[in-house]
């Protein structure tokens, strides 16, 4: 628990990365923009690949 208290800013930045990348996806169809499924899966894969090193840095970096 103390790890979360000390490094909450790093975890918040990681969460904001997910929000910024994934938040527009449900809204874009209302604006008339079509999103192919391949693009959504590519965005998800890229976010997962980026998240792993950032999470490990947030947990293990002093």
Protein backbone atom coordinates (compact mmCIF):
# COMPACT_ATOMS: atom_id res chain seq x y z
CA UNK A 1 0.00 0.00 0.00
CA UNK A 2 2.86 2.39 0.73
CA UNK A 3 4.14 1.74 -2.80
CA UNK A 4 0.88 3.11 -4.21
CA UNK A 5 1.05 6.15 -1.96
CA UNK A 6 4.58 6.95 -3.04
CA UNK A 7 4.13 6.35 -6.76
CA UNK A 8 0.54 7.38 -7.41
CA UNK A 9 1.62 10.02 -9.93
CA UNK A 10 3.28 7.44 -12.15
CA UNK A 11 0.23 5.18 -12.03
CA UNK A 12 -2.02 8.16 -12.76
CA UNK A 13 0.08 9.05 -15.81
CA UNK A 14 -0.20 5.48 -17.03
CA UNK A 15 -3.96 5.58 -16.55
CA UNK A 16 -4.18 8.87 -18.43
CA UNK A 17 -2.35 7.28 -21.35
CA UNK A 18 -5.14 4.69 -21.57
CA UNK A 19 -7.86 7.32 -21.24
CA UNK A 20 -6.37 9.55 -23.93
CA UNK A 21 -5.93 6.66 -26.35
CA UNK A 22 -9.22 4.84 -25.77
CA UNK A 23 -11.70 7.56 -24.76
CA UNK A 24 -12.42 8.90 -28.28
CA UNK A 25 -13.26 5.46 -29.69
CA UNK A 26 -16.89 5.28 -28.39
CA UNK A 27 -17.54 8.94 -29.26
CA UNK A 28 -16.27 8.98 -32.84
CA UNK A 29 -19.20 6.99 -34.34
CA UNK A 30 -21.59 9.66 -33.06
CA UNK A 31 -19.57 12.21 -35.04
CA UNK A 32 -19.85 10.14 -38.22
CA UNK A 33 -16.35 8.69 -38.18
CA UNK A 34 -16.12 4.96 -38.85
CA UNK A 35 -13.36 3.05 -37.11
CA UNK A 36 -12.18 -0.26 -38.57
CA UNK A 37 -11.82 -3.13 -36.11
CA UNK A 38 -8.19 -3.59 -37.16
CA UNK A 39 -7.38 -0.08 -35.96
CA UNK A 40 -8.97 -0.65 -32.57
CA UNK A 41 -7.12 -3.92 -32.07
CA UNK A 42 -3.85 -2.28 -33.15
CA UNK A 43 -4.37 0.55 -30.64
CA UNK A 44 -5.08 -1.96 -27.87
CA UNK A 45 -1.99 -4.03 -28.68
CA UNK A 46 0.24 -0.94 -28.77
CA UNK A 47 -1.14 0.26 -25.43
CA UNK A 48 -0.52 -3.13 -23.82
CA UNK A 49 3.05 -3.24 -25.14
CA UNK A 50 3.69 0.30 -23.89
CA UNK A 51 2.04 -0.33 -20.52
CA UNK A 52 4.22 -3.26 -19.49
CA UNK A 53 7.56 -1.38 -19.28
CA UNK A 54 5.93 1.72 -17.78
CA UNK A 55 4.25 -0.38 -15.09
CA UNK A 56 7.50 -2.17 -14.28
CA UNK A 57 9.33 1.15 -14.08
CA UNK A 58 6.67 2.56 -11.78
CA UNK A 59 6.86 -0.43 -9.46
CA UNK A 60 10.59 -1.12 -9.32
CA UNK A 61 12.24 2.26 -9.92
CA UNK A 62 13.39 4.12 -6.82
